[in-house]
Amino acid sequence: MTVIVGLVHKGRVHLGADSAGVSGLQLTVRRDPKAFRNGPYALGFTTSFRMGQLLRFAFEPPQPTGDLDRFMVTTWTDALRACLRDGG
Protein backbone atom coordinates (compact mmCIF):
# COMPACT_ATOMS: atom_id res chain seq x y z
CA MET A 1 0.00 0.00 0.00
CA THR A 2 1.23 3.48 -0.85
CA VAL A 3 0.26 6.65 0.97
CA ILE A 4 0.51 9.99 -0.81
CA VAL A 5 -0.86 13.11 0.83
CA GLY A 6 -1.25 16.66 -0.41
CA LEU A 7 -1.99 19.69 1.74
CA VAL A 8 -2.45 23.35 0.89
CA HIS A 9 -1.55 25.59 3.83
CA LYS A 10 -1.13 29.37 3.74
CA GLY A 11 -0.90 29.35 -0.06
CA ARG A 12 1.75 26.63 -0.24
CA VAL A 13 1.36 23.06 -1.44
CA HIS A 14 2.92 20.28 0.60
CA LEU A 15 3.14 16.79 -0.88
CA GLY A 16 4.48 13.74 0.91
CA ALA A 17 4.61 9.99 0.46
CA ASP A 18 5.81 6.87 2.21
CA SER A 19 9.06 5.19 1.10
CA ALA A 20 7.97 1.55 1.08
CA GLY A 21 8.35 -0.91 -1.75
CA VAL A 22 6.19 -3.95 -0.99
CA SER A 23 6.05 -7.32 -2.71
CA GLY A 24 3.89 -9.89 -0.96
CA LEU A 25 5.05 -9.88 2.67
CA GLN A 26 8.44 -8.33 1.85
CA LEU A 27 8.91 -4.60 2.55
CA THR A 28 11.88 -2.59 1.30
CA VAL A 29 12.53 1.02 2.26
CA ARG A 30 13.28 2.86 -0.99
CA ARG A 31 15.65 5.80 -1.34
CA ASP A 32 13.92 7.23 -4.42
CA PRO A 33 10.93 9.43 -3.55
CA LYS A 34 7.33 8.69 -4.50
CA ALA A 35 6.56 12.44 -4.47
CA PHE A 36 8.65 15.14 -6.15
CA ARG A 37 8.61 18.24 -8.36
CA ASN A 38 9.02 18.21 -12.12
CA GLY A 39 8.86 21.69 -13.62
CA PRO A 40 5.78 23.51 -12.35
CA TYR A 41 4.18 20.26 -11.17
CA ALA A 42 4.18 18.36 -7.89
CA LEU A 43 3.83 14.66 -8.76
CA GLY A 44 3.30 11.47 -6.82
CA PHE A 45 3.05 7.87 -8.01
CA THR A 46 2.21 4.37 -6.87
CA THR A 47 2.56 0.81 -8.17
CA SER A 48 5.49 1.05 -10.60
CA PHE A 49 8.89 2.39 -9.58
CA ARG A 50 9.82 2.46 -13.28
CA MET A 51 6.88 4.79 -13.87
CA GLY A 52 8.16 6.99 -11.03
CA GLN A 53 11.64 7.11 -12.56
CA LEU A 54 10.19 8.15 -15.91
CA LEU A 55 7.97 10.79 -14.30
CA ARG A 56 10.91 12.21 -12.39
CA PHE A 57 13.75 12.03 -14.94
CA ALA A 58 12.34 11.53 -18.46
CA PHE A 59 8.98 13.30 -18.52
CA GLU A 60 9.19 16.83 -19.90
CA PRO A 61 5.80 18.22 -18.91
CA PRO A 62 4.38 20.91 -21.18
CA GLN A 63 3.70 24.35 -19.76
CA PRO A 64 0.03 25.00 -18.97
CA THR A 65 -1.89 26.99 -21.56
CA GLY A 66 -5.49 28.08 -21.95
CA ASP A 67 -8.26 26.25 -20.08
CA LEU A 68 -6.48 24.16 -17.41
CA ASP A 69 -9.00 21.28 -17.41
CA ARG A 70 -8.79 20.93 -21.20
CA PHE A 71 -4.99 21.22 -21.11
CA MET A 72 -4.62 18.50 -18.46
CA VAL A 73 -6.88 15.95 -20.17
CA THR A 74 -5.41 16.52 -23.63
CA THR A 75 -1.95 18.07 -24.02
CA TRP A 76 -0.53 17.06 -20.63
CA THR A 77 -1.94 13.51 -20.65
CA ASP A 78 -0.84 12.93 -24.25
CA ALA A 79 2.74 13.97 -23.32
CA LEU A 80 2.69 11.71 -20.25
CA ARG A 81 1.42 8.71 -22.20
CA ALA A 82 4.11 9.20 -24.86
CA CYS A 83 6.82 9.33 -22.17
CA LEU A 84 5.59 6.14 -20.49
CA ARG A 85 5.21 4.33 -23.83
CA ASP A 86 8.69 5.37 -25.02
CA GLY A 87 10.29 4.55 -21.65
CA GLY A 88 8.82 1.07 -21.44
PDB file of N, CA and C in Angstrom:
ATOM      1  N   MET A   1       0.847  -1.175   0.000  1.00  0.00           N
ATOM      2  CA  MET A   1       0.000   0.000   0.000  1.00  0.00           C
ATOM      3  C   MET A   1       0.888   1.233   0.000  1.00  0.00           C
ATOM      4  N   THR A   2       0.517   2.211  -0.794  1.00  0.00           N
ATOM      5  CA  THR A   2       1.228   3.481  -0.851  1.00  0.00           C
ATOM      6  C   THR A   2       0.342   4.568  -0.268  1.00  0.00           C
ATOM      7  N   VAL A   3       0.972   5.495   0.435  1.00  0.00           N
ATOM      8  CA  VAL A   3       0.260   6.648   0.971  1.00  0.00           C
ATOM      9  C   VAL A   3       0.900   7.898   0.379  1.00  0.00           C
ATOM     10  N   ILE A   4       0.081   8.696  -0.292  1.00  0.00           N
ATOM     11  CA  ILE A   4       0.512   9.987  -0.810  1.00  0.00           C
ATOM     12  C   ILE A   4      -0.487  11.004  -0.290  1.00  0.00           C
ATOM     13  N   VAL A   5       0.025  12.097   0.262  1.00  0.00           N
ATOM     14  CA  VAL A   5      -0.859  13.107   0.833  1.00  0.00           C
ATOM     15  C   VAL A   5      -0.467  14.479   0.290  1.00  0.00           C
ATOM     16  N   GLY A   6      -1.469  15.284   0.009  1.00  0.00           N
ATOM     17  CA  GLY A   6      -1.247  16.660  -0.410  1.00  0.00           C
ATOM     18  C   GLY A   6      -1.985  17.591   0.522  1.00  0.00           C
ATOM     19  N   LEU A   7      -1.399  18.720   0.829  1.00  0.00           N
ATOM     20  CA  LEU A   7      -1.992  19.688   1.737  1.00  0.00           C
ATOM     21  C   LEU A   7      -1.669  21.087   1.236  1.00  0.00           C
ATOM     22  N   VAL A   8      -2.665  21.943   1.199  1.00  0.00           N
ATOM     23  CA  VAL A   8      -2.450  23.349   0.895  1.00  0.00           C
ATOM     24  C   VAL A   8      -2.591  24.102   2.212  1.00  0.00           C
ATOM     25  N   HIS A   9      -1.549  24.842   2.570  1.00  0.00           N
ATOM     26  CA  HIS A   9      -1.549  25.589   3.834  1.00  0.00           C
ATOM     27  C   HIS A   9      -0.890  26.942   3.603  1.00  0.00           C
ATOM     28  N   LYS A  10      -1.624  27.999   3.893  1.00  0.00           N
ATOM     29  CA  LYS A  10      -1.129  29.366   3.736  1.00  0.00           C
ATOM     30  C   LYS A  10      -0.568  29.605   2.337  1.00  0.00           C
ATOM     31  N   GLY A  11      -1.281  29.110   1.325  1.00  0.00           N
ATOM     32  CA  GLY A  11      -0.900  29.354  -0.055  1.00  0.00           C
ATOM     33  C   GLY A  11       0.230  28.491  -0.582  1.00  0.00           C
ATOM     34  N   ARG A  12       0.673  27.530   0.199  1.00  0.00           N
ATOM     35  CA  ARG A  12       1.747  26.631  -0.244  1.00  0.00           C
ATOM     36  C   ARG A  12       1.217  25.215  -0.324  1.00  0.00           C
ATOM     37  N   VAL A  13       1.745  24.455  -1.275  1.00  0.00           N
ATOM     38  CA  VAL A  13       1.357  23.058  -1.442  1.00  0.00           C
ATOM     39  C   VAL A  13       2.435  22.183  -0.834  1.00  0.00           C
ATOM     40  N   HIS A  14       2.011  21.246  -0.004  1.00  0.00           N
ATOM     41  CA  HIS A  14       2.922  20.277   0.604  1.00  0.00           C
ATOM     42  C   HIS A  14       2.497  18.897   0.123  1.00  0.00           C
ATOM     43  N   LEU A  15       3.427  18.115  -0.370  1.00  0.00           N
ATOM     44  CA  LEU A  15       3.143  16.788  -0.884  1.00  0.00           C
ATOM     45  C   LEU A  15       4.131  15.822  -0.249  1.00  0.00           C
ATOM     46  N   GLY A  16       3.623  14.722   0.273  1.00  0.00           N
ATOM     47  CA  GLY A  16       4.484  13.741   0.908  1.00  0.00           C
ATOM     48  C   GLY A  16       4.027  12.337   0.586  1.00  0.00           C
ATOM     49  N   ALA A  17       4.923  11.389   0.750  1.00  0.00           N
ATOM     50  CA  ALA A  17       4.606   9.988   0.463  1.00  0.00           C
ATOM     51  C   ALA A  17       5.474   9.087   1.331  1.00  0.00           C
ATOM     52  N   ASP A  18       4.998   7.852   1.492  1.00  0.00           N
ATOM     53  CA  ASP A  18       5.812   6.871   2.209  1.00  0.00           C
ATOM     54  C   ASP A  18       6.993   6.464   1.327  1.00  0.00           C
ATOM     55  N   SER A  19       7.877   5.623   1.851  1.00  0.00           N
ATOM     56  CA  SER A  19       9.057   5.193   1.097  1.00  0.00           C
ATOM     57  C   SER A  19       9.123   3.676   0.962  1.00  0.00           C
ATOM     58  N   ALA A  20       7.983   3.010   1.090  1.00  0.00           N
ATOM     59  CA  ALA A  20       7.965   1.547   1.081  1.00  0.00           C
ATOM     60  C   ALA A  20       7.819   0.988  -0.333  1.00  0.00           C
ATOM     61  N   GLY A  21       8.551  -0.066  -0.586  1.00  0.00           N
ATOM     62  CA  GLY A  21       8.346  -0.911  -1.751  1.00  0.00           C
ATOM     63  C   GLY A  21       7.917  -2.266  -1.218  1.00  0.00           C
ATOM     64  N   VAL A  22       6.729  -2.727  -1.561  1.00  0.00           N
ATOM     65  CA  VAL A  22       6.191  -3.955  -0.986  1.00  0.00           C
ATOM     66  C   VAL A  22       5.924  -4.974  -2.079  1.00  0.00           C
ATOM     67  N   SER A  23       6.349  -6.201  -1.828  1.00  0.00           N
ATOM     68  CA  SER A  23       6.054  -7.324  -2.710  1.00  0.00           C
ATOM     69  C   SER A  23       5.660  -8.493  -1.821  1.00  0.00           C
ATOM     70  N   GLY A  24       4.372  -8.841  -1.853  1.00  0.00           N
ATOM     71  CA  GLY A  24       3.891  -9.892  -0.957  1.00  0.00           C
ATOM     72  C   GLY A  24       4.043  -9.447   0.483  1.00  0.00           C
ATOM     73  N   LEU A  25       4.805 -10.228   1.260  1.00  0.00           N
ATOM     74  CA  LEU A  25       5.046  -9.875   2.665  1.00  0.00           C
ATOM     75  C   LEU A  25       6.392  -9.191   2.866  1.00  0.00           C
ATOM     76  N   GLN A  26       7.121  -8.950   1.768  1.00  0.00           N
ATOM     77  CA  GLN A  26       8.444  -8.329   1.855  1.00  0.00           C
ATOM     78  C   GLN A  26       8.341  -6.821   1.661  1.00  0.00           C
ATOM     79  N   LEU A  27       8.912  -6.056   2.603  1.00  0.00           N
ATOM     80  CA  LEU A  27       8.910  -4.603   2.546  1.00  0.00           C
ATOM     81  C   LEU A  27      10.342  -4.113   2.432  1.00  0.00           C
ATOM     82  N   THR A  28      10.572  -3.216   1.480  1.00  0.00           N
ATOM     83  CA  THR A  28      11.876  -2.589   1.295  1.00  0.00           C
ATOM     84  C   THR A  28      11.697  -1.086   1.400  1.00  0.00           C
ATOM     85  N   VAL A  29      12.558  -0.441   2.173  1.00  0.00           N
ATOM     86  CA  VAL A  29      12.530   1.017   2.255  1.00  0.00           C
ATOM     87  C   VAL A  29      13.340   1.558   1.081  1.00  0.00           C
ATOM     88  N   ARG A  30      12.664   2.337   0.230  1.00  0.00           N
ATOM     89  CA  ARG A  30      13.277   2.859  -0.994  1.00  0.00           C
ATOM     90  C   ARG A  30      13.919   4.218  -0.725  1.00  0.00           C
ATOM     91  N   ARG A  31      15.003   4.496  -1.458  1.00  0.00           N
ATOM     92  CA  ARG A  31      15.653   5.801  -1.344  1.00  0.00           C
ATOM     93  C   ARG A  31      15.064   6.810  -2.327  1.00  0.00           C
ATOM     94  N   ASP A  32      14.501   6.320  -3.436  1.00  0.00           N
ATOM     95  CA  ASP A  32      13.922   7.234  -4.421  1.00  0.00           C
ATOM     96  C   ASP A  32      12.518   7.646  -3.975  1.00  0.00           C
ATOM     97  N   PRO A  33      12.204   8.932  -4.077  1.00  0.00           N
ATOM     98  CA  PRO A  33      10.932   9.432  -3.548  1.00  0.00           C
ATOM     99  C   PRO A  33       9.741   9.067  -4.426  1.00  0.00           C
ATOM    100  N   LYS A  34       8.589   8.908  -3.789  1.00  0.00           N
ATOM    101  CA  LYS A  34       7.332   8.694  -4.500  1.00  0.00           C
ATOM    102  C   LYS A  34       6.606  10.011  -4.753  1.00  0.00           C
ATOM    103  N   ALA A  35       7.125  11.107  -4.256  1.00  0.00           N
ATOM    104  CA  ALA A  35       6.563  12.441  -4.470  1.00  0.00           C
ATOM    105  C   ALA A  35       7.723  13.397  -4.734  1.00  0.00           C
ATOM    106  N   PHE A  36       7.557  14.261  -5.732  1.00  0.00           N
ATOM    107  CA  PHE A  36       8.650  15.143  -6.146  1.00  0.00           C
ATOM    108  C   PHE A  36       8.098  16.233  -7.057  1.00  0.00           C
ATOM    109  N   ARG A  37       8.947  17.186  -7.404  1.00  0.00           N
ATOM    110  CA  ARG A  37       8.608  18.239  -8.365  1.00  0.00           C
ATOM    111  C   ARG A  37       9.227  17.923  -9.707  1.00  0.00           C
ATOM    112  N   ASN A  38       8.506  18.278 -10.751  1.00  0.00           N
ATOM    113  CA  ASN A  38       9.019  18.215 -12.115  1.00  0.00           C
ATOM    114  C   ASN A  38       8.463  19.445 -12.814  1.00  0.00           C
ATOM    115  N   GLY A  39       9.323  20.420 -13.051  1.00  0.00           N
ATOM    116  CA  GLY A  39       8.862  21.687 -13.618  1.00  0.00           C
ATOM    117  C   GLY A  39       7.867  22.343 -12.678  1.00  0.00           C
ATOM    118  N   PRO A  40       6.751  22.834 -13.209  1.00  0.00           N
ATOM    119  CA  PRO A  40       5.784  23.510 -12.355  1.00  0.00           C
ATOM    120  C   PRO A  40       4.842  22.549 -11.626  1.00  0.00           C
ATOM    121  N   TYR A  41       5.098  21.259 -11.712  1.00  0.00           N
ATOM    122  CA  TYR A  41       4.176  20.262 -11.165  1.00  0.00           C
ATOM    123  C   TYR A  41       4.741  19.563  -9.942  1.00  0.00           C
ATOM    124  N   ALA A  42       3.871  19.261  -8.991  1.00  0.00           N
ATOM    125  CA  ALA A  42       4.178  18.361  -7.889  1.00  0.00           C
ATOM    126  C   ALA A  42       3.529  17.036  -8.266  1.00  0.00           C
ATOM    127  N   LEU A  43       4.314  15.963  -8.309  1.00  0.00           N
ATOM    128  CA  LEU A  43       3.826  14.662  -8.758  1.00  0.00           C
ATOM    129  C   LEU A  43       4.038  13.609  -7.687  1.00  0.00           C
ATOM    130  N   GLY A  44       3.163  12.633  -7.674  1.00  0.00           N
ATOM    131  CA  GLY A  44       3.305  11.467  -6.821  1.00  0.00           C
ATOM    132  C   GLY A  44       2.877  10.256  -7.613  1.00  0.00           C
ATOM    133  N   PHE A  45       3.393   9.085  -7.266  1.00  0.00           N
ATOM    134  CA  PHE A  45       3.049   7.875  -8.007  1.00  0.00           C
ATOM    135  C   PHE A  45       2.934   6.688  -7.067  1.00  0.00           C
ATOM    136  N   THR A  46       2.334   5.634  -7.579  1.00  0.00           N
ATOM    137  CA  THR A  46       2.214   4.372  -6.872  1.00  0.00           C
ATOM    138  C   THR A  46       2.345   3.237  -7.873  1.00  0.00           C
ATOM    139  N   THR A  47       2.545   2.049  -7.396  1.00  0.00           N
ATOM    140  CA  THR A  47       2.557   0.806  -8.166  1.00  0.00           C
ATOM    141  C   THR A  47       3.882   0.521  -8.857  1.00  0.00           C
ATOM    142  N   SER A  48       4.317   1.361  -9.785  1.00  0.00           N
ATOM    143  CA  SER A  48       5.490   1.050 -10.601  1.00  0.00           C
ATOM    144  C   SER A  48       6.631   2.027 -10.329  1.00  0.00           C
ATOM    145  N   PHE A  49       7.742   1.508  -9.807  1.00  0.00           N
ATOM    146  CA  PHE A  49       8.887   2.385  -9.578  1.00  0.00           C
ATOM    147  C   PHE A  49       9.503   2.829 -10.901  1.00  0.00           C
ATOM    148  N   ARG A  50       9.364   2.025 -11.952  1.00  0.00           N
ATOM    149  CA  ARG A  50       9.821   2.456 -13.277  1.00  0.00           C
ATOM    150  C   ARG A  50       9.023   3.677 -13.725  1.00  0.00           C
ATOM    151  N   MET A  51       7.722   3.647 -13.521  1.00  0.00           N
ATOM    152  CA  MET A  51       6.879   4.793 -13.869  1.00  0.00           C
ATOM    153  C   MET A  51       7.351   6.031 -13.097  1.00  0.00           C
ATOM    154  N   GLY A  52       7.671   5.870 -11.830  1.00  0.00           N
ATOM    155  CA  GLY A  52       8.157   6.994 -11.031  1.00  0.00           C
ATOM    156  C   GLY A  52       9.469   7.543 -11.560  1.00  0.00           C
ATOM    157  N   GLN A  53      10.368   6.659 -11.978  1.00  0.00           N
ATOM    158  CA  GLN A  53      11.644   7.108 -12.560  1.00  0.00           C
ATOM    159  C   GLN A  53      11.405   7.911 -13.828  1.00  0.00           C
ATOM    160  N   LEU A  54      10.496   7.430 -14.676  1.00  0.00           N
ATOM    161  CA  LEU A  54      10.189   8.153 -15.912  1.00  0.00           C
ATOM    162  C   LEU A  54       9.536   9.501 -15.616  1.00  0.00           C
ATOM    163  N   LEU A  55       8.607   9.528 -14.672  1.00  0.00           N
ATOM    164  CA  LEU A  55       7.967  10.795 -14.300  1.00  0.00           C
ATOM    165  C   LEU A  55       8.986  11.803 -13.784  1.00  0.00           C
ATOM    166  N   ARG A  56       9.945  11.321 -13.028  1.00  0.00           N
ATOM    167  CA  ARG A  56      10.914  12.214 -12.393  1.00  0.00           C
ATOM    168  C   ARG A  56      12.027  12.656 -13.337  1.00  0.00           C
ATOM    169  N   PHE A  57      12.552  11.728 -14.164  1.00  0.00           N
ATOM    170  CA  PHE A  57      13.749  12.033 -14.941  1.00  0.00           C
ATOM    171  C   PHE A  57      13.536  12.157 -16.451  1.00  0.00           C
ATOM    172  N   ALA A  58      12.522  11.517 -17.011  1.00  0.00           N
ATOM    173  CA  ALA A  58      12.343  11.530 -18.458  1.00  0.00           C
ATOM    174  C   ALA A  58      11.186  12.402 -18.932  1.00  0.00           C
ATOM    175  N   PHE A  59      10.156  12.539 -18.117  1.00  0.00           N
ATOM    176  CA  PHE A  59       8.982  13.297 -18.518  1.00  0.00           C
ATOM    177  C   PHE A  59       9.303  14.785 -18.580  1.00  0.00           C
ATOM    178  N   GLU A  60       9.027  15.392 -19.734  1.00  0.00           N
ATOM    179  CA  GLU A  60       9.186  16.834 -19.897  1.00  0.00           C
ATOM    180  C   GLU A  60       7.787  17.425 -20.018  1.00  0.00           C
ATOM    181  N   PRO A  61       7.193  17.774 -18.881  1.00  0.00           N
ATOM    182  CA  PRO A  61       5.802  18.223 -18.908  1.00  0.00           C
ATOM    183  C   PRO A  61       5.659  19.546 -19.645  1.00  0.00           C
ATOM    184  N   PRO A  62       4.625  19.642 -20.479  1.00  0.00           N
ATOM    185  CA  PRO A  62       4.381  20.908 -21.177  1.00  0.00           C
ATOM    186  C   PRO A  62       3.900  21.986 -20.211  1.00  0.00           C
ATOM    187  N   GLN A  63       4.150  23.218 -20.571  1.00  0.00           N
ATOM    188  CA  GLN A  63       3.703  24.347 -19.761  1.00  0.00           C
ATOM    189  C   GLN A  63       2.199  24.536 -19.939  1.00  0.00           C
ATOM    190  N   PRO A  64       1.481  24.818 -18.874  1.00  0.00           N
ATOM    191  CA  PRO A  64       0.031  25.002 -18.969  1.00  0.00           C
ATOM    192  C   PRO A  64      -0.335  26.164 -19.894  1.00  0.00           C
ATOM    193  N   THR A  65      -1.372  25.940 -20.690  1.00  0.00           N
ATOM    194  CA  THR A  65      -1.894  26.990 -21.564  1.00  0.00           C
ATOM    195  C   THR A  65      -3.415  26.902 -21.586  1.00  0.00           C
ATOM    196  N   GLY A  66      -4.044  28.036 -21.769  1.00  0.00           N
ATOM    197  CA  GLY A  66      -5.493  28.078 -21.946  1.00  0.00           C
ATOM    198  C   GLY A  66      -6.264  27.500 -20.769  1.00  0.00           C
ATOM    199  N   ASP A  67      -7.390  26.870 -21.086  1.00  0.00           N
ATOM    200  CA  ASP A  67      -8.256  26.250 -20.085  1.00  0.00           C
ATOM    201  C   ASP A  67      -7.510  25.090 -19.421  1.00  0.00           C
ATOM    202  N   LEU A  68      -7.309  25.149 -18.100  1.00  0.00           N
ATOM    203  CA  LEU A  68      -6.485  24.160 -17.410  1.00  0.00           C
ATOM    204  C   LEU A  68      -7.078  22.747 -17.477  1.00  0.00           C
ATOM    205  N   ASP A  69      -8.385  22.609 -17.325  1.00  0.00           N
ATOM    206  CA  ASP A  69      -8.997  21.276 -17.412  1.00  0.00           C
ATOM    207  C   ASP A  69      -8.745  20.663 -18.786  1.00  0.00           C
ATOM    208  N   ARG A  70      -8.999  21.426 -19.838  1.00  0.00           N
ATOM    209  CA  ARG A  70      -8.790  20.933 -21.202  1.00  0.00           C
ATOM    210  C   ARG A  70      -7.318  20.578 -21.426  1.00  0.00           C
ATOM    211  N   PHE A  71      -6.424  21.453 -20.970  1.00  0.00           N
ATOM    212  CA  PHE A  71      -4.989  21.220 -21.110  1.00  0.00           C
ATOM    213  C   PHE A  71      -4.571  19.916 -20.437  1.00  0.00           C
ATOM    214  N   MET A  72      -5.038  19.687 -19.200  1.00  0.00           N
ATOM    215  CA  MET A  72      -4.622  18.497 -18.456  1.00  0.00           C
ATOM    216  C   MET A  72      -5.125  17.203 -19.094  1.00  0.00           C
ATOM    217  N   VAL A  73      -6.342  17.190 -19.619  1.00  0.00           N
ATOM    218  CA  VAL A  73      -6.885  15.946 -20.174  1.00  0.00           C
ATOM    219  C   VAL A  73      -6.496  15.724 -21.632  1.00  0.00           C
ATOM    220  N   THR A  74      -5.843  16.696 -22.250  1.00  0.00           N
ATOM    221  CA  THR A  74      -5.410  16.515 -23.634  1.00  0.00           C
ATOM    222  C   THR A  74      -3.889  16.634 -23.719  1.00  0.00           C
ATOM    223  N   THR A  75      -3.379  17.822 -23.800  1.00  0.00           N
ATOM    224  CA  THR A  75      -1.946  18.065 -24.024  1.00  0.00           C
ATOM    225  C   THR A  75      -1.065  17.388 -22.979  1.00  0.00           C
ATOM    226  N   TRP A  76      -1.364  17.595 -21.701  1.00  0.00           N
ATOM    227  CA  TRP A  76      -0.529  17.057 -20.632  1.00  0.00           C
ATOM    228  C   TRP A  76      -0.577  15.533 -20.625  1.00  0.00           C
ATOM    229  N   THR A  77      -1.781  14.973 -20.675  1.00  0.00           N
ATOM    230  CA  THR A  77      -1.942  13.515 -20.648  1.00  0.00           C
ATOM    231  C   THR A  77      -1.330  12.862 -21.879  1.00  0.00           C
ATOM    232  N   ASP A  78      -1.464  13.479 -23.041  1.00  0.00           N
ATOM    233  CA  ASP A  78      -0.837  12.931 -24.250  1.00  0.00           C
ATOM    234  C   ASP A  78       0.682  12.883 -24.108  1.00  0.00           C
ATOM    235  N   ALA A  79       1.285  13.938 -23.532  1.00  0.00           N
ATOM    236  CA  ALA A  79       2.737  13.968 -23.324  1.00  0.00           C
ATOM    237  C   ALA A  79       3.166  12.899 -22.311  1.00  0.00           C
ATOM    238  N   LEU A  80       2.386  12.739 -21.254  1.00  0.00           N
ATOM    239  CA  LEU A  80       2.688  11.708 -20.248  1.00  0.00           C
ATOM    240  C   LEU A  80       2.621  10.317 -20.848  1.00  0.00           C
ATOM    241  N   ARG A  81       1.574  10.030 -21.589  1.00  0.00           N
ATOM    242  CA  ARG A  81       1.416   8.707 -22.195  1.00  0.00           C
ATOM    243  C   ARG A  81       2.557   8.403 -23.160  1.00  0.00           C
ATOM    244  N   ALA A  82       2.989   9.398 -23.935  1.00  0.00           N
ATOM    245  CA  ALA A  82       4.109   9.200 -24.855  1.00  0.00           C
ATOM    246  C   ALA A  82       5.389   8.875 -24.089  1.00  0.00           C
ATOM    247  N   CYS A  83       5.622   9.579 -22.981  1.00  0.00           N
ATOM    248  CA  CYS A  83       6.815   9.330 -22.165  1.00  0.00           C
ATOM    249  C   CYS A  83       6.800   7.907 -21.615  1.00  0.00           C
ATOM    250  N   LEU A  84       5.676   7.482 -21.067  1.00  0.00           N
ATOM    251  CA  LEU A  84       5.591   6.136 -20.491  1.00  0.00           C
ATOM    252  C   LEU A  84       5.708   5.064 -21.570  1.00  0.00           C
ATOM    253  N   ARG A  85       5.116   5.290 -22.728  1.00  0.00           N
ATOM    254  CA  ARG A  85       5.212   4.333 -23.835  1.00  0.00           C
ATOM    255  C   ARG A  85       6.672   4.218 -24.319  1.00  0.00           C
ATOM    256  N   ASP A  86       7.317   5.362 -24.519  1.00  0.00           N
ATOM    257  CA  ASP A  86       8.692   5.368 -25.018  1.00  0.00           C
ATOM    258  C   ASP A  86       9.677   4.802 -23.992  1.00  0.00           C
ATOM    259  N   GLY A  87       9.379   5.003 -22.706  1.00  0.00           N
ATOM    260  CA  GLY A  87      10.286   4.550 -21.650  1.00  0.00           C
ATOM    261  C   GLY A  87      10.067   3.106 -21.218  1.00  0.00           C
ATOM    262  N   GLY A  88       9.063   2.479 -21.763  1.00  0.00           N
ATOM    263  CA  GLY A  88       8.816   1.068 -21.444  1.00  0.00           C
ATOM    264  C   GLY A  88       8.109   0.883 -20.146  1.00  0.00           C
TER     265      GLY A  88
END
